[in-house]
Every structure is written in structure tokens, then in C-alpha cells.
């Protein structure tokens, strides 16, 4: 093995070992939220490293189970505003958030693990049980398939066909918005407000807002 190949392999190994949350950011989180939050992020990094060797379906369950342990709190109580999309670091650091925050955290964790974001959608629904708007993360194995639903109200992952308690409204990701239908993404539409929320979220993530 040549020296050049050895250096390349070392680089790849270090790249694969890169933590989901950097040590510098974990230090900032500990200063802001305390030791309990630091321990949560240390465990998150360990879990994410182990999840890299899992199948895609196993990754969905791992990420869904982890973030569903965070407690629910409305944006009004948490941030004193009606609608706020927290960064994954804010969400886990505070150990509280609303439905959008669960979806955002799960989305970016799965993206880090290598799940194609074309399979992942923020899906607005109406909850029959709670009689209110709600958001879940949906996973489409193919563009025409019935998606799996990752939800913070119902902790188990079911297909959308099994979630008769949810009425789909529209699907959203960083690229597109669609009116939701029984299977597949649905009809493409334009919802400017969600794009503005998405752009602000990306800006906050880029500057490591906690």
C-alpha cells in the first residue's frame, strides 16, 4: 500500500468518524443548558455513529425513538411566539418543543445518516384525535409509494394508510411543496410562508443557534 493511499484511507476514516454535533458546539450547549443537555448530546453522537451501520428502516426507528423522548411544549410557552421553527440544537438543548421541532430534528439526523432527502417530507396534517393542525415527518421509499409516518404523538412508525386519525394537507421539503394525497407526493403547489420558515431555519442552523 502506497503512502498516498494510506493518507487517503486515514482521511476517509476521520471523515466518517466526524461527530454529528461538534465538540465545540457541545461545549456551548453545556454552558447554555447544563450537564444534562451535554449528556444528551454526547449520547446523540454515540447513537448516530452506531446508526451509520444500520439499514435505512432501522435508522428511521432509531432517530424516531430518540427524539420522541423529548417533551412537548408549545411555541408560545417555549419561545413566547405563535410559530417558531427551532434548530435541532435548540430543541434538544431545551428538551422541549412542538411538532415542527420533532420533524426538523428527525429530518436533519436522517439526512446526516445518508438518507436521501427526496424521501423525507415535512407533512402538514389535521389530527382527528386532537382536532388541531399537526406536522409529521414522512418517508417515501419511492415517489409513488404510501409513506411511513414518524410522529411525536404516536411513537410507533406506521404507514400513512394505517393512520386514519390523520388527514394529510400538504408535503414540504427543501425543494418542493405538494398537496398531499393517499400515495405519492401529490400535486405541486406554492406556499411562500413555509419557504420563509425553511430559509430562516437554515440560516439559524448555519450559525449554530442554540
N, C-alpha and C. Protein backbone atom coordinates (compact mmCIF):
# COMPACT_ATOMS: atom_id res chain seq x y z
N UNK A 1 0.85 -1.19 0.00
CA UNK A 1 0.00 0.00 0.00
C UNK A 1 0.89 1.24 0.00
N UNK A 2 0.63 2.16 -0.92
CA UNK A 2 1.45 3.36 -1.03
C UNK A 2 1.10 4.35 0.07
N UNK A 3 2.02 5.29 0.30
CA UNK A 3 1.80 6.30 1.32
C UNK A 3 0.59 7.16 1.00
N UNK A 4 0.41 7.43 -0.30
CA UNK A 4 -0.71 8.27 -0.72
C UNK A 4 -2.05 7.59 -0.40
N UNK A 5 -2.13 6.28 -0.64
CA UNK A 5 -3.36 5.53 -0.36
C UNK A 5 -3.62 5.50 1.14
N UNK A 6 -2.55 5.33 1.93
CA UNK A 6 -2.71 5.30 3.38
C UNK A 6 -3.24 6.62 3.92
N UNK A 7 -2.73 7.73 3.38
CA UNK A 7 -3.19 9.06 3.78
C UNK A 7 -4.66 9.24 3.42
N UNK A 8 -5.03 8.77 2.21
CA UNK A 8 -6.42 8.88 1.76
C UNK A 8 -7.35 8.07 2.66
N UNK A 9 -6.93 6.84 3.02
CA UNK A 9 -7.76 6.00 3.90
C UNK A 9 -7.91 6.63 5.27
N UNK A 10 -6.84 7.24 5.77
CA UNK A 10 -6.89 7.91 7.06
C UNK A 10 -7.87 9.08 7.00
N UNK A 11 -7.84 9.83 5.90
CA UNK A 11 -8.75 10.97 5.73
C UNK A 11 -10.20 10.50 5.72
N UNK A 12 -10.45 9.44 4.99
CA UNK A 12 -11.82 8.90 4.91
C UNK A 12 -12.28 8.42 6.28
N UNK A 13 -11.39 7.76 7.02
CA UNK A 13 -11.74 7.26 8.35
C UNK A 13 -12.09 8.41 9.29
N UNK A 14 -11.30 9.47 9.24
CA UNK A 14 -11.56 10.63 10.08
C UNK A 14 -12.86 11.31 9.69
N UNK A 15 -13.14 11.33 8.38
CA UNK A 15 -14.37 11.94 7.90
C UNK A 15 -15.59 11.17 8.39
N UNK A 16 -15.51 9.85 8.31
CA UNK A 16 -16.63 9.01 8.76
C UNK A 16 -16.83 9.11 10.27
N UNK A 17 -15.74 9.39 10.99
CA UNK A 17 -15.82 9.47 12.44
C UNK A 17 -16.26 10.84 12.93
N UNK A 18 -16.48 11.78 12.01
CA UNK A 18 -16.90 13.13 12.39
C UNK A 18 -18.21 13.07 13.17
N UNK A 19 -18.25 13.67 14.36
CA UNK A 19 -19.47 13.59 15.16
C UNK A 19 -20.60 14.40 14.54
N UNK A 20 -21.82 14.01 14.87
CA UNK A 20 -22.98 14.74 14.37
C UNK A 20 -23.00 16.16 14.91
N UNK A 21 -22.67 16.28 16.20
CA UNK A 21 -22.59 17.59 16.83
C UNK A 21 -21.15 17.79 17.29
N UNK A 22 -20.52 18.87 16.85
CA UNK A 22 -19.10 19.08 17.13
C UNK A 22 -18.87 19.30 18.62
N UNK A 23 -17.63 19.01 19.06
CA UNK A 23 -17.26 19.19 20.46
C UNK A 23 -17.41 20.65 20.88
N UNK A 24 -17.08 21.57 19.97
CA UNK A 24 -17.21 23.00 20.27
C UNK A 24 -18.66 23.38 20.53
N UNK A 25 -19.56 22.83 19.70
CA UNK A 25 -20.98 23.14 19.88
C UNK A 25 -21.53 22.49 21.16
N UNK A 26 -21.07 21.29 21.46
CA UNK A 26 -21.49 20.63 22.70
C UNK A 26 -21.06 21.45 23.91
N UNK A 27 -19.87 22.04 23.87
CA UNK A 27 -19.40 22.89 24.97
C UNK A 27 -20.32 24.11 25.13
N UNK A 28 -20.71 24.71 24.02
CA UNK A 28 -21.62 25.85 24.07
C UNK A 28 -22.99 25.45 24.64
N UNK A 29 -23.44 24.28 24.25
CA UNK A 29 -24.72 23.77 24.73
C UNK A 29 -24.67 23.52 26.24
N UNK A 30 -23.57 22.96 26.72
CA UNK A 30 -23.42 22.72 28.16
C UNK A 30 -23.44 24.04 28.92
N UNK A 31 -22.78 25.06 28.37
CA UNK A 31 -22.75 26.36 29.03
C UNK A 31 -24.14 26.99 29.08
N UNK A 32 -24.93 26.75 28.05
CA UNK A 32 -26.26 27.35 27.97
C UNK A 32 -27.31 26.57 28.72
N UNK A 33 -27.22 25.22 28.68
CA UNK A 33 -28.31 24.40 29.21
C UNK A 33 -27.92 23.45 30.34
N UNK A 34 -26.62 23.29 30.59
CA UNK A 34 -26.21 22.47 31.71
C UNK A 34 -25.73 21.07 31.34
N UNK A 35 -25.35 20.32 32.38
CA UNK A 35 -24.74 18.99 32.19
C UNK A 35 -25.72 17.98 31.59
N UNK A 36 -26.99 18.06 31.98
CA UNK A 36 -27.97 17.12 31.44
C UNK A 36 -28.03 17.22 29.92
N UNK A 37 -28.04 18.45 29.41
CA UNK A 37 -28.08 18.66 27.96
C UNK A 37 -26.80 18.12 27.30
N UNK A 38 -25.65 18.37 27.93
CA UNK A 38 -24.39 17.85 27.38
C UNK A 38 -24.44 16.34 27.25
N UNK A 39 -24.93 15.68 28.29
CA UNK A 39 -25.02 14.22 28.26
C UNK A 39 -25.94 13.72 27.15
N UNK A 40 -27.03 14.45 26.92
CA UNK A 40 -27.95 14.08 25.85
C UNK A 40 -27.24 14.15 24.49
N UNK A 41 -26.46 15.21 24.28
CA UNK A 41 -25.77 15.38 23.01
C UNK A 41 -24.62 14.39 22.85
N UNK A 42 -23.96 14.05 23.95
CA UNK A 42 -22.92 13.02 23.88
C UNK A 42 -23.54 11.68 23.47
N UNK A 43 -24.70 11.38 24.05
CA UNK A 43 -25.39 10.13 23.69
C UNK A 43 -25.86 10.19 22.24
N UNK A 44 -26.35 11.35 21.82
CA UNK A 44 -26.78 11.52 20.42
C UNK A 44 -25.63 11.22 19.47
N UNK A 45 -24.46 11.76 19.74
CA UNK A 45 -23.30 11.50 18.88
C UNK A 45 -22.97 10.01 18.82
N UNK A 46 -23.02 9.35 19.97
CA UNK A 46 -22.74 7.91 20.02
C UNK A 46 -23.78 7.13 19.23
N UNK A 47 -25.03 7.49 19.42
CA UNK A 47 -26.12 6.81 18.72
C UNK A 47 -26.01 6.99 17.20
N UNK A 48 -25.69 8.20 16.79
CA UNK A 48 -25.59 8.49 15.36
C UNK A 48 -24.42 7.74 14.72
N UNK A 49 -23.34 7.61 15.45
CA UNK A 49 -22.20 6.87 14.93
C UNK A 49 -22.56 5.40 14.74
N UNK A 50 -23.26 4.83 15.70
CA UNK A 50 -23.68 3.42 15.60
C UNK A 50 -24.73 3.22 14.51
N UNK A 51 -25.56 4.22 14.31
CA UNK A 51 -26.65 4.11 13.33
C UNK A 51 -26.16 4.12 11.89
N UNK A 52 -24.93 4.55 11.68
CA UNK A 52 -24.39 4.59 10.31
C UNK A 52 -24.34 3.20 9.69
N UNK A 53 -24.24 2.17 10.52
CA UNK A 53 -24.15 0.80 10.01
C UNK A 53 -25.52 0.13 9.93
N UNK A 54 -26.58 0.84 10.27
CA UNK A 54 -27.92 0.26 10.24
C UNK A 54 -28.55 0.37 8.84
N UNK A 55 -29.57 -0.42 8.64
CA UNK A 55 -30.35 -0.28 7.40
C UNK A 55 -31.15 1.03 7.48
N UNK A 56 -31.67 1.47 6.35
CA UNK A 56 -32.41 2.72 6.33
C UNK A 56 -33.65 2.65 7.23
N UNK A 57 -34.34 1.53 7.22
CA UNK A 57 -35.53 1.38 8.06
C UNK A 57 -35.14 1.40 9.54
N UNK A 58 -34.03 0.76 9.88
CA UNK A 58 -33.56 0.78 11.27
C UNK A 58 -33.19 2.20 11.69
N UNK A 59 -32.60 2.96 10.78
CA UNK A 59 -32.26 4.34 11.07
C UNK A 59 -33.49 5.18 11.37
N UNK A 60 -34.56 4.93 10.63
CA UNK A 60 -35.82 5.64 10.88
C UNK A 60 -36.29 5.40 12.32
N UNK A 61 -36.26 4.14 12.74
CA UNK A 61 -36.71 3.79 14.08
C UNK A 61 -35.77 4.36 15.15
N UNK A 62 -34.48 4.30 14.92
CA UNK A 62 -33.51 4.81 15.89
C UNK A 62 -33.70 6.29 16.14
N UNK A 63 -33.78 7.05 15.07
CA UNK A 63 -33.92 8.50 15.17
C UNK A 63 -35.29 8.87 15.74
N UNK A 64 -36.32 8.20 15.28
CA UNK A 64 -37.67 8.48 15.76
C UNK A 64 -37.79 8.23 17.27
N UNK A 65 -37.26 7.11 17.73
CA UNK A 65 -37.33 6.76 19.15
C UNK A 65 -36.56 7.77 20.01
N UNK A 66 -35.39 8.18 19.53
CA UNK A 66 -34.57 9.10 20.33
C UNK A 66 -35.27 10.44 20.53
N UNK A 67 -35.70 11.05 19.45
CA UNK A 67 -36.28 12.39 19.57
C UNK A 67 -37.67 12.39 20.19
N UNK A 68 -38.37 11.28 20.13
CA UNK A 68 -39.69 11.24 20.77
C UNK A 68 -39.60 11.24 22.29
N UNK A 69 -38.39 11.11 22.83
CA UNK A 69 -38.20 11.19 24.28
C UNK A 69 -38.21 12.64 24.77
N UNK A 70 -38.07 13.58 23.84
CA UNK A 70 -38.12 15.00 24.20
C UNK A 70 -39.57 15.36 24.55
N UNK A 71 -39.74 16.22 25.53
CA UNK A 71 -41.09 16.58 25.98
C UNK A 71 -41.71 17.65 25.09
N UNK A 72 -43.01 17.56 24.93
CA UNK A 72 -43.74 18.52 24.09
C UNK A 72 -43.97 19.83 24.86
N UNK A 73 -43.81 20.94 24.13
CA UNK A 73 -44.19 22.26 24.67
C UNK A 73 -44.49 23.18 23.50
N UNK A 74 -45.53 23.94 23.60
CA UNK A 74 -45.94 24.84 22.52
C UNK A 74 -44.93 25.97 22.35
N UNK A 75 -44.92 26.57 21.16
CA UNK A 75 -44.02 27.69 20.89
C UNK A 75 -44.33 28.89 21.79
N UNK A 76 -45.61 29.09 22.09
CA UNK A 76 -45.99 30.21 22.97
C UNK A 76 -45.32 30.07 24.33
N UNK A 77 -45.35 28.86 24.89
CA UNK A 77 -44.74 28.63 26.20
C UNK A 77 -43.22 28.58 26.12
N UNK A 78 -42.70 28.08 25.00
CA UNK A 78 -41.26 27.87 24.87
C UNK A 78 -40.52 29.12 24.43
N UNK A 79 -41.10 29.85 23.46
CA UNK A 79 -40.40 30.97 22.85
C UNK A 79 -41.18 32.28 22.90
N UNK A 80 -42.40 32.23 23.45
CA UNK A 80 -43.25 33.43 23.55
C UNK A 80 -43.67 33.97 22.19
N UNK A 81 -43.70 33.10 21.18
CA UNK A 81 -44.21 33.46 19.86
C UNK A 81 -45.15 32.35 19.39
N UNK A 82 -46.02 32.68 18.42
CA UNK A 82 -47.02 31.72 17.98
C UNK A 82 -46.44 30.58 17.17
N UNK A 83 -45.46 30.88 16.32
CA UNK A 83 -44.90 29.85 15.44
C UNK A 83 -43.41 30.05 15.27
N UNK A 84 -42.62 29.10 15.74
CA UNK A 84 -41.16 29.19 15.65
C UNK A 84 -40.59 27.81 15.33
N UNK A 85 -39.71 27.76 14.33
CA UNK A 85 -39.06 26.50 13.96
C UNK A 85 -37.68 26.47 14.60
N UNK A 86 -37.52 25.66 15.62
CA UNK A 86 -36.26 25.58 16.36
C UNK A 86 -35.22 24.75 15.62
N UNK A 87 -33.96 25.09 15.80
CA UNK A 87 -32.89 24.25 15.27
C UNK A 87 -32.85 22.97 16.09
N UNK A 88 -32.29 21.88 15.56
CA UNK A 88 -32.16 20.66 16.35
C UNK A 88 -31.41 20.87 17.67
N UNK A 89 -30.45 21.79 17.68
CA UNK A 89 -29.70 22.05 18.91
C UNK A 89 -30.55 22.76 19.96
N UNK A 90 -31.38 23.72 19.51
CA UNK A 90 -32.29 24.40 20.43
C UNK A 90 -33.29 23.41 21.02
N UNK A 91 -33.85 22.58 20.15
CA UNK A 91 -34.88 21.62 20.53
C UNK A 91 -34.38 20.65 21.59
N UNK A 92 -33.24 20.01 21.33
CA UNK A 92 -32.72 19.03 22.28
C UNK A 92 -32.09 19.71 23.49
N UNK A 93 -31.50 20.89 23.29
CA UNK A 93 -30.92 21.61 24.41
C UNK A 93 -31.96 22.00 25.44
N UNK A 94 -33.08 22.51 24.97
CA UNK A 94 -34.18 22.87 25.87
C UNK A 94 -34.92 21.65 26.37
N UNK A 95 -34.81 20.53 25.63
CA UNK A 95 -35.52 19.29 25.94
C UNK A 95 -37.03 19.51 25.89
N UNK A 96 -37.46 20.39 24.98
CA UNK A 96 -38.87 20.70 24.79
C UNK A 96 -39.08 21.28 23.40
N UNK A 97 -40.25 21.00 22.83
CA UNK A 97 -40.56 21.58 21.54
C UNK A 97 -41.92 21.14 21.05
N UNK A 98 -42.37 21.76 19.95
CA UNK A 98 -43.66 21.37 19.39
C UNK A 98 -43.44 20.48 18.17
N UNK A 99 -44.52 20.15 17.47
CA UNK A 99 -44.44 19.11 16.43
C UNK A 99 -43.43 19.43 15.33
N UNK A 100 -43.35 20.71 14.91
CA UNK A 100 -42.38 21.06 13.88
C UNK A 100 -40.95 20.76 14.32
N UNK A 101 -40.68 20.98 15.60
CA UNK A 101 -39.32 20.79 16.11
C UNK A 101 -38.90 19.32 16.08
N UNK A 102 -39.84 18.42 16.37
CA UNK A 102 -39.55 16.98 16.26
C UNK A 102 -39.22 16.63 14.81
N UNK A 103 -40.02 17.14 13.91
CA UNK A 103 -39.83 16.83 12.49
C UNK A 103 -38.50 17.34 11.98
N UNK A 104 -38.16 18.57 12.34
CA UNK A 104 -36.90 19.17 11.90
C UNK A 104 -35.71 18.36 12.42
N UNK A 105 -35.73 18.01 13.70
CA UNK A 105 -34.62 17.26 14.29
C UNK A 105 -34.46 15.90 13.63
N UNK A 106 -35.57 15.21 13.40
CA UNK A 106 -35.52 13.89 12.76
C UNK A 106 -35.02 14.00 11.32
N UNK A 107 -35.49 15.01 10.62
CA UNK A 107 -35.11 15.21 9.21
C UNK A 107 -33.60 15.37 9.07
N UNK A 108 -33.02 16.27 9.86
CA UNK A 108 -31.59 16.54 9.71
C UNK A 108 -30.73 15.39 10.23
N UNK A 109 -31.20 14.66 11.23
CA UNK A 109 -30.46 13.49 11.70
C UNK A 109 -30.42 12.42 10.61
N UNK A 110 -31.54 12.17 9.98
CA UNK A 110 -31.60 11.16 8.91
C UNK A 110 -30.79 11.61 7.68
N UNK A 111 -30.81 12.89 7.42
CA UNK A 111 -30.00 13.42 6.32
C UNK A 111 -28.52 13.17 6.59
N UNK A 112 -28.09 13.40 7.82
CA UNK A 112 -26.70 13.17 8.20
C UNK A 112 -26.32 11.70 8.02
N UNK A 113 -27.26 10.81 8.29
CA UNK A 113 -27.01 9.37 8.17
C UNK A 113 -27.01 8.89 6.72
N UNK A 114 -27.34 9.78 5.81
CA UNK A 114 -27.26 9.44 4.39
C UNK A 114 -28.57 9.12 3.73
N UNK A 115 -29.69 9.29 4.45
CA UNK A 115 -30.99 9.06 3.82
C UNK A 115 -31.23 10.17 2.81
N UNK A 116 -31.62 9.80 1.61
CA UNK A 116 -31.87 10.76 0.54
C UNK A 116 -33.01 11.68 0.96
N UNK A 117 -32.78 13.00 0.96
CA UNK A 117 -33.81 13.93 1.40
C UNK A 117 -35.01 13.98 0.46
N UNK A 118 -34.86 13.41 -0.74
CA UNK A 118 -36.01 13.31 -1.64
C UNK A 118 -37.05 12.32 -1.10
N UNK A 119 -36.63 11.52 -0.12
CA UNK A 119 -37.56 10.56 0.51
C UNK A 119 -38.22 11.14 1.75
N UNK A 120 -37.76 12.29 2.22
CA UNK A 120 -38.20 12.84 3.50
C UNK A 120 -39.00 14.12 3.31
N UNK A 121 -40.18 14.15 3.92
CA UNK A 121 -41.06 15.31 3.78
C UNK A 121 -41.65 15.74 5.11
N UNK A 122 -41.72 17.05 5.31
CA UNK A 122 -42.49 17.64 6.39
C UNK A 122 -43.94 17.58 5.90
N UNK A 123 -44.81 16.91 6.62
CA UNK A 123 -46.18 16.76 6.15
C UNK A 123 -47.15 17.39 7.15
N UNK A 124 -47.86 18.41 6.66
CA UNK A 124 -48.91 19.02 7.47
C UNK A 124 -50.15 18.15 7.41
N UNK A 125 -50.75 17.90 8.55
CA UNK A 125 -51.94 17.07 8.65
C UNK A 125 -52.93 17.73 9.61
N UNK A 126 -54.14 17.22 9.60
CA UNK A 126 -55.12 17.56 10.63
C UNK A 126 -55.32 16.33 11.50
N UNK A 127 -55.17 16.49 12.79
CA UNK A 127 -55.34 15.38 13.72
C UNK A 127 -56.81 15.28 14.12
N UNK A 128 -57.43 14.16 13.80
CA UNK A 128 -58.82 13.94 14.19
C UNK A 128 -58.92 13.78 15.71
N UNK A 129 -57.94 13.12 16.29
CA UNK A 129 -57.97 12.85 17.72
C UNK A 129 -57.87 14.13 18.54
N UNK A 130 -56.92 15.01 18.16
CA UNK A 130 -56.71 16.22 18.93
C UNK A 130 -57.43 17.44 18.34
N UNK A 131 -58.05 17.23 17.15
CA UNK A 131 -58.83 18.29 16.50
C UNK A 131 -58.01 19.56 16.31
N UNK A 132 -56.81 19.38 15.74
CA UNK A 132 -55.93 20.52 15.52
C UNK A 132 -54.93 20.21 14.41
N UNK A 133 -54.33 21.26 13.81
CA UNK A 133 -53.28 21.04 12.82
C UNK A 133 -52.07 20.39 13.49
N UNK A 134 -51.33 19.63 12.72
CA UNK A 134 -50.19 18.88 13.25
C UNK A 134 -49.18 18.70 12.13
N UNK A 135 -47.94 18.41 12.48
CA UNK A 135 -46.91 18.12 11.48
C UNK A 135 -46.21 16.82 11.83
N UNK A 136 -45.95 16.00 10.82
CA UNK A 136 -45.20 14.75 10.99
C UNK A 136 -44.13 14.69 9.91
N UNK A 137 -43.15 13.81 10.12
CA UNK A 137 -42.16 13.54 9.09
C UNK A 137 -42.60 12.29 8.33
N UNK A 138 -42.62 12.37 7.01
CA UNK A 138 -43.00 11.21 6.21
C UNK A 138 -41.81 10.74 5.38
N UNK A 139 -41.75 9.44 5.21
CA UNK A 139 -40.66 8.80 4.46
C UNK A 139 -41.26 8.05 3.28
N UNK A 140 -40.88 8.46 2.07
CA UNK A 140 -41.34 7.83 0.84
C UNK A 140 -40.23 6.93 0.29
N UNK A 141 -40.43 5.63 0.32
CA UNK A 141 -39.43 4.72 -0.25
C UNK A 141 -39.25 4.99 -1.74
N UNK A 142 -40.35 5.32 -2.43
CA UNK A 142 -40.33 5.73 -3.83
C UNK A 142 -41.30 6.90 -3.97
N UNK A 143 -41.20 7.70 -5.03
CA UNK A 143 -42.10 8.84 -5.19
C UNK A 143 -43.57 8.48 -5.21
N UNK A 144 -43.91 7.24 -5.61
CA UNK A 144 -45.31 6.83 -5.72
C UNK A 144 -45.80 5.98 -4.56
N UNK A 145 -44.95 5.73 -3.59
CA UNK A 145 -45.33 4.82 -2.50
C UNK A 145 -46.16 5.51 -1.43
N UNK A 146 -46.85 4.71 -0.64
CA UNK A 146 -47.52 5.22 0.55
C UNK A 146 -46.44 5.44 1.61
N UNK A 147 -46.34 6.64 2.17
CA UNK A 147 -45.22 6.93 3.07
C UNK A 147 -45.38 6.32 4.45
N UNK A 148 -44.24 6.20 5.14
CA UNK A 148 -44.23 5.88 6.57
C UNK A 148 -44.31 7.19 7.34
N UNK A 149 -44.95 7.15 8.50
CA UNK A 149 -45.18 8.36 9.29
C UNK A 149 -44.38 8.31 10.59
N UNK A 150 -43.51 9.30 10.79
CA UNK A 150 -42.76 9.46 12.04
C UNK A 150 -43.42 10.59 12.81
N UNK A 151 -43.98 10.26 13.97
CA UNK A 151 -44.88 11.17 14.67
C UNK A 151 -44.50 11.27 16.14
N UNK A 152 -44.65 12.45 16.73
CA UNK A 152 -44.35 12.60 18.15
C UNK A 152 -45.57 12.34 19.03
N UNK A 153 -46.76 12.22 18.44
CA UNK A 153 -47.95 11.85 19.20
C UNK A 153 -48.07 10.33 19.31
N UNK A 154 -47.96 9.66 18.18
CA UNK A 154 -47.96 8.20 18.14
C UNK A 154 -46.53 7.75 17.90
N UNK A 155 -45.90 7.15 18.90
CA UNK A 155 -44.46 6.90 18.84
C UNK A 155 -44.06 5.82 17.85
N UNK A 156 -44.97 4.90 17.51
CA UNK A 156 -44.63 3.83 16.58
C UNK A 156 -44.74 4.32 15.13
N UNK A 157 -43.88 3.79 14.28
CA UNK A 157 -43.91 4.15 12.87
C UNK A 157 -44.92 3.26 12.13
N UNK A 158 -45.91 3.90 11.51
CA UNK A 158 -46.90 3.20 10.70
C UNK A 158 -46.93 3.81 9.31
N UNK A 159 -47.50 3.08 8.35
CA UNK A 159 -47.71 3.66 7.03
C UNK A 159 -48.86 4.66 7.13
N UNK A 160 -48.90 5.60 6.20
CA UNK A 160 -49.97 6.60 6.21
C UNK A 160 -51.34 5.94 6.08
N UNK A 161 -51.39 4.80 5.40
CA UNK A 161 -52.66 4.09 5.23
C UNK A 161 -53.20 3.58 6.57
N UNK A 162 -52.31 3.38 7.53
CA UNK A 162 -52.71 2.90 8.85
C UNK A 162 -53.03 4.03 9.83
N UNK A 163 -52.78 5.27 9.40
CA UNK A 163 -53.01 6.42 10.27
C UNK A 163 -54.30 7.14 9.87
N UNK A 164 -55.41 6.48 10.10
CA UNK A 164 -56.71 7.06 9.75
C UNK A 164 -57.05 8.26 10.63
N UNK A 165 -56.28 8.46 11.70
CA UNK A 165 -56.53 9.60 12.58
C UNK A 165 -55.94 10.89 12.02
N UNK A 166 -55.18 10.79 10.93
CA UNK A 166 -54.55 11.96 10.34
C UNK A 166 -55.11 12.25 8.95
N UNK A 167 -55.44 13.50 8.70
CA UNK A 167 -55.89 13.93 7.37
C UNK A 167 -54.76 14.72 6.73
N UNK A 168 -54.12 14.19 5.69
CA UNK A 168 -52.99 14.90 5.07
C UNK A 168 -53.44 16.17 4.36
N UNK A 169 -52.61 17.22 4.46
CA UNK A 169 -52.91 18.50 3.82
C UNK A 169 -51.89 18.79 2.72
N UNK A 170 -50.60 18.91 3.11
CA UNK A 170 -49.57 19.05 2.09
C UNK A 170 -48.21 18.60 2.60
N UNK A 171 -47.35 18.25 1.64
CA UNK A 171 -45.98 17.78 1.92
C UNK A 171 -44.99 18.86 1.54
N UNK A 172 -43.94 18.97 2.35
CA UNK A 172 -42.94 20.01 2.12
C UNK A 172 -41.54 19.48 2.40
N UNK A 173 -40.58 19.84 1.52
CA UNK A 173 -39.17 19.69 1.90
C UNK A 173 -38.41 20.88 1.34
N UNK A 174 -37.11 20.85 1.38
CA UNK A 174 -36.32 22.00 0.96
C UNK A 174 -36.47 22.35 -0.50
N UNK A 175 -36.99 21.44 -1.29
CA UNK A 175 -37.09 21.66 -2.73
C UNK A 175 -38.51 21.93 -3.22
N UNK A 176 -39.49 21.26 -2.62
CA UNK A 176 -40.83 21.32 -3.19
C UNK A 176 -41.92 21.29 -2.13
N UNK A 177 -43.10 21.78 -2.52
CA UNK A 177 -44.32 21.68 -1.74
C UNK A 177 -45.38 20.98 -2.59
N UNK A 178 -46.10 20.05 -1.98
CA UNK A 178 -47.13 19.32 -2.71
C UNK A 178 -48.39 19.22 -1.87
N UNK A 179 -49.55 19.32 -2.53
CA UNK A 179 -50.79 18.98 -1.87
C UNK A 179 -50.77 17.47 -1.66
N UNK A 180 -50.95 17.04 -0.42
CA UNK A 180 -50.81 15.62 -0.10
C UNK A 180 -51.96 14.80 -0.67
N UNK A 181 -51.64 13.55 -1.02
CA UNK A 181 -52.66 12.61 -1.46
C UNK A 181 -52.37 11.26 -0.83
N UNK A 182 -53.21 10.27 -1.11
CA UNK A 182 -53.11 8.98 -0.42
C UNK A 182 -51.76 8.30 -0.65
N UNK A 183 -51.23 8.37 -1.85
CA UNK A 183 -49.91 7.82 -2.13
C UNK A 183 -49.17 8.79 -3.04
N UNK A 184 -47.85 8.80 -2.93
CA UNK A 184 -47.05 9.73 -3.71
C UNK A 184 -47.05 11.12 -3.10
N UNK A 185 -46.21 11.99 -3.63
CA UNK A 185 -46.05 13.33 -3.08
C UNK A 185 -47.32 14.17 -3.20
N UNK A 186 -48.00 14.06 -4.34
CA UNK A 186 -49.19 14.86 -4.57
C UNK A 186 -48.95 15.93 -5.62
N UNK A 187 -49.87 16.88 -5.69
CA UNK A 187 -49.80 17.95 -6.69
C UNK A 187 -48.92 19.08 -6.20
N UNK A 188 -47.99 19.53 -7.04
CA UNK A 188 -47.06 20.58 -6.64
C UNK A 188 -47.77 21.92 -6.52
N UNK A 189 -47.46 22.65 -5.45
CA UNK A 189 -48.09 23.94 -5.19
C UNK A 189 -47.04 24.92 -4.66
N UNK A 190 -47.48 26.14 -4.32
CA UNK A 190 -46.56 27.16 -3.81
C UNK A 190 -47.10 27.71 -2.50
N UNK A 191 -46.34 27.48 -1.41
CA UNK A 191 -46.70 28.04 -0.11
C UNK A 191 -45.51 28.88 0.37
N UNK A 192 -45.60 30.19 0.12
CA UNK A 192 -44.47 31.07 0.40
C UNK A 192 -44.10 31.09 1.88
N UNK A 193 -45.09 31.01 2.76
CA UNK A 193 -44.81 31.11 4.20
C UNK A 193 -43.89 30.00 4.67
N UNK A 194 -44.15 28.76 4.20
CA UNK A 194 -43.30 27.64 4.63
C UNK A 194 -41.88 27.79 4.11
N UNK A 195 -41.73 28.34 2.90
CA UNK A 195 -40.39 28.57 2.38
C UNK A 195 -39.64 29.59 3.23
N UNK A 196 -40.34 30.62 3.68
CA UNK A 196 -39.69 31.63 4.53
C UNK A 196 -39.25 31.01 5.85
N UNK A 197 -40.10 30.17 6.43
CA UNK A 197 -39.74 29.47 7.66
C UNK A 197 -38.53 28.58 7.44
N UNK A 198 -38.51 27.88 6.32
CA UNK A 198 -37.41 26.99 5.97
C UNK A 198 -36.11 27.77 5.82
N UNK A 199 -36.16 28.89 5.11
CA UNK A 199 -34.96 29.70 4.89
C UNK A 199 -34.41 30.23 6.21
N UNK A 200 -35.30 30.67 7.09
CA UNK A 200 -34.86 31.17 8.40
C UNK A 200 -34.25 30.05 9.23
N UNK A 201 -34.85 28.87 9.16
CA UNK A 201 -34.32 27.72 9.88
C UNK A 201 -32.91 27.38 9.41
N UNK A 202 -32.71 27.33 8.10
CA UNK A 202 -31.38 27.02 7.56
C UNK A 202 -30.35 28.06 7.98
N UNK A 203 -30.77 29.32 8.03
CA UNK A 203 -29.88 30.38 8.47
C UNK A 203 -29.48 30.18 9.93
N UNK A 204 -30.44 29.82 10.76
CA UNK A 204 -30.16 29.60 12.19
C UNK A 204 -29.27 28.37 12.40
N UNK A 205 -29.49 27.32 11.60
CA UNK A 205 -28.64 26.12 11.69
C UNK A 205 -27.22 26.44 11.27
N UNK A 206 -27.09 27.23 10.21
CA UNK A 206 -25.76 27.57 9.71
C UNK A 206 -24.95 28.33 10.73
N UNK A 207 -25.61 29.16 11.53
CA UNK A 207 -24.87 29.91 12.55
C UNK A 207 -24.92 29.23 13.92
N UNK A 208 -25.31 27.93 13.91
CA UNK A 208 -25.31 27.11 15.14
C UNK A 208 -26.07 27.76 16.29
N UNK A 209 -27.29 28.22 15.97
CA UNK A 209 -28.09 28.85 17.00
C UNK A 209 -28.53 27.81 18.03
N UNK A 210 -28.33 28.14 19.31
CA UNK A 210 -28.76 27.25 20.39
C UNK A 210 -29.69 28.00 21.35
